[in-house]
Amino acid sequence: MTSPSQPQSEVLTLTVDFSRPDLIKVMDWLPHRYPMLLVDRVKEVVPNTSIHCIKMISSLDPYLQGHFPGQPIMPGVLSIEALAQAAGILARMSNLELANSCLLTELQDVRFRRQIIPGDCLNLHVTALKSRKGFFWFEAKAIVDGDVASSALITAKLS
């Protein structure tokens, strides 16, 4: 006996299935590689609307070795880079015809509100605000344990 087919949501109609944590699938959407790949998993994506990604912070991450010895803290600029990478995935998944590359063009209203340390789970929440002629605007927040660690308004261009 087979179960009745369930209606497919917009998430399930994508060519890439992000229903399981698979770093290889993230690498299909981003040109970045270790140590600059700062998205470990895509938890949820709604094309043209929003994306929720995860970055696990490990004491073995190379940037923590010198920032700061004895008291490792993820550099705030890298949390913004992680948000930009999540925005890049959203832009590319929303515009497959322009999906060659996504480049960061502008940051506004950047804020750092909480330290990010080894053991933290960085939740990257990005919402699409608008798009025009290959440019995309996003609101982005990096959240740890319910607190905003960093945030920015991001502009990117697909080419």
Protein backbone atom coordinates (compact mmCIF):
# COMPACT_ATOMS: atom_id res chain seq x y z
CA MET A 1 0.00 0.00 0.00
CA THR A 2 1.41 3.35 -0.96
CA SER A 3 0.75 6.56 0.86
CA PRO A 4 -1.13 9.31 -0.96
CA SER A 5 1.17 11.84 -2.54
CA GLN A 6 1.58 14.97 -0.53
CA PRO A 7 1.39 18.41 -2.13
CA GLN A 8 4.84 19.68 -2.98
CA SER A 9 5.94 22.91 -1.39
CA GLU A 10 8.15 25.45 -3.13
CA VAL A 11 11.10 24.12 -1.13
CA LEU A 12 10.62 20.59 -2.44
CA THR A 13 10.45 21.66 -6.08
CA LEU A 14 14.06 22.90 -6.09
CA THR A 15 16.67 20.94 -8.00
CA VAL A 16 18.76 20.64 -4.84
CA ASP A 17 17.27 18.92 -1.81
CA PHE A 18 18.42 20.62 1.41
CA SER A 19 16.31 18.41 3.67
CA ARG A 20 19.44 16.80 5.14
CA PRO A 21 22.67 18.39 6.30
CA ASP A 22 24.91 17.92 3.28
CA LEU A 23 27.89 20.23 2.90
CA ILE A 24 28.46 18.98 -0.64
CA LYS A 25 25.13 20.46 -1.69
CA VAL A 26 26.07 23.82 -0.14
CA MET A 27 29.28 23.70 -2.20
CA ASP A 28 27.18 23.25 -5.35
CA TRP A 29 25.75 26.73 -4.73
CA LEU A 30 28.85 28.58 -3.49
CA PRO A 31 32.32 28.85 -5.05
CA HIS A 32 33.90 29.12 -1.58
CA ARG A 33 35.93 26.27 -0.12
CA TYR A 34 37.46 25.60 3.29
CA PRO A 35 38.56 27.60 5.17
CA MET A 36 36.44 30.40 3.63
CA LEU A 37 33.24 28.36 3.26
CA LEU A 38 31.19 29.69 6.19
CA VAL A 39 27.86 27.92 5.60
CA ASP A 40 27.63 24.35 6.89
CA ARG A 41 23.98 23.64 6.17
CA VAL A 42 20.86 25.14 4.63
CA LYS A 43 17.92 24.44 6.93
CA GLU A 44 15.19 26.16 4.95
CA VAL A 45 14.91 28.19 1.79
CA VAL A 46 11.96 29.91 0.15
CA PRO A 47 13.17 31.23 -3.23
CA ASN A 48 12.79 35.00 -3.67
CA THR A 49 11.89 35.34 0.01
CA SER A 50 14.23 33.95 2.69
CA ILE A 51 16.85 31.44 3.73
CA HIS A 52 17.98 29.97 7.07
CA CYS A 53 21.51 28.53 7.18
CA ILE A 54 23.74 27.15 9.93
CA LYS A 55 27.44 27.65 10.70
CA MET A 56 28.83 25.65 13.61
CA ILE A 57 31.73 27.40 15.34
CA SER A 58 34.55 25.00 16.21
CA SER A 59 37.67 25.62 18.25
CA LEU A 60 39.51 24.10 15.28
CA ASP A 61 38.42 26.86 12.87
CA PRO A 62 41.70 28.37 11.65
CA TYR A 63 40.75 32.01 12.24
CA LEU A 64 40.28 31.28 15.96
CA GLN A 65 43.93 30.29 16.38
CA GLY A 66 45.02 33.93 16.38
CA HIS A 67 41.79 35.74 17.32
CA PHE A 68 42.47 35.63 20.25
CA PRO A 69 44.81 33.01 21.77
CA GLY A 70 43.35 31.87 25.07
CA GLN A 71 40.03 33.59 24.39
CA PRO A 72 38.91 32.63 20.86
CA ILE A 73 36.27 34.89 19.28
CA MET A 74 34.99 34.64 15.70
CA PRO A 75 35.91 37.89 13.94
CA GLY A 76 32.74 39.91 13.43
CA VAL A 77 33.58 40.51 9.78
CA LEU A 78 33.47 36.73 9.21
CA SER A 79 29.95 36.56 10.64
CA ILE A 80 29.00 39.16 8.02
CA GLU A 81 30.76 37.08 5.34
CA ALA A 82 28.71 34.05 6.47
CA LEU A 83 25.53 36.13 6.05
CA ALA A 84 26.70 37.25 2.60
CA GLN A 85 27.29 33.62 1.60
CA ALA A 86 23.77 32.70 2.75
CA ALA A 87 22.43 35.65 0.74
CA GLY A 88 24.40 34.42 -2.27
CA ILE A 89 22.77 31.00 -2.03
CA LEU A 90 19.32 32.62 -1.83
CA ALA A 91 20.03 34.89 -4.81
CA ARG A 92 21.34 32.04 -6.96
CA MET A 93 18.49 29.69 -6.05
CA SER A 94 15.96 32.41 -6.79
CA ASN A 95 17.43 33.32 -10.19
CA LEU A 96 18.72 30.20 -11.86
CA GLU A 97 19.13 31.93 -15.23
CA LEU A 98 21.67 34.37 -13.72
CA ALA A 99 23.28 31.86 -11.38
CA ASN A 100 26.93 32.01 -12.51
CA SER A 101 28.32 34.02 -9.61
CA CYS A 102 27.13 36.31 -6.84
CA LEU A 103 29.33 39.16 -5.69
CA LEU A 104 28.97 41.33 -2.61
CA THR A 105 28.65 44.99 -3.66
CA GLU A 106 27.62 46.90 -0.52
CA LEU A 107 27.09 46.60 3.22
CA GLN A 108 25.00 49.05 5.26
CA ASP A 109 23.99 49.31 8.90
CA VAL A 110 26.47 46.66 10.01
CA ARG A 111 26.16 45.89 13.73
CA PHE A 112 28.08 43.56 16.05
CA ARG A 113 26.13 42.86 19.23
CA ARG A 114 27.43 39.62 20.75
CA GLN A 115 30.66 37.66 20.74
CA ILE A 116 30.64 34.38 18.81
CA ILE A 117 32.75 31.68 20.44
CA PRO A 118 33.59 28.00 19.85
CA GLY A 119 30.59 25.78 20.47
CA ASP A 120 28.10 28.39 19.23
CA CYS A 121 25.61 27.52 16.52
CA LEU A 122 25.37 30.55 14.23
CA ASN A 123 21.90 30.76 12.69
CA LEU A 124 22.05 32.82 9.51
CA HIS A 125 18.69 34.38 8.63
CA VAL A 126 18.49 36.32 5.36
CA THR A 127 15.37 37.94 3.91
CA ALA A 128 15.16 39.27 0.36
CA LEU A 129 14.02 42.89 0.27
CA LYS A 130 14.04 43.64 -3.48
CA SER A 131 15.82 42.96 -6.74
CA ARG A 132 16.44 44.94 -9.91
CA LYS A 133 18.58 44.29 -13.00
CA GLY A 134 20.70 41.58 -11.41
CA PHE A 135 21.12 43.42 -8.09
CA PHE A 136 19.61 42.07 -4.88
CA TRP A 137 19.05 43.66 -1.48
CA PHE A 138 18.82 41.62 1.71
CA GLU A 139 18.27 42.06 5.42
CA ALA A 140 20.52 39.65 7.32
CA LYS A 141 20.91 38.58 10.94
CA ALA A 142 23.30 36.12 12.57
CA ILE A 143 21.66 34.72 15.71
CA VAL A 144 23.16 32.69 18.56
CA ASP A 145 20.93 31.29 21.31
CA GLY A 146 18.13 33.67 20.36
CA ASP A 147 20.37 36.77 20.51
CA VAL A 148 21.38 38.78 17.44
CA ALA A 149 25.16 38.50 17.18
CA SER A 150 25.53 40.59 14.02
CA SER A 151 23.34 42.12 11.35
CA ALA A 152 23.61 44.02 8.08
CA LEU A 153 21.81 45.20 5.00
CA ILE A 154 23.52 43.44 2.09
CA THR A 155 23.57 44.29 -1.61
CA ALA A 156 24.85 41.71 -4.10
CA LYS A 157 25.00 41.28 -7.87
CA LEU A 158 24.51 38.13 -9.89
CA SER A 159 26.50 37.90 -13.09
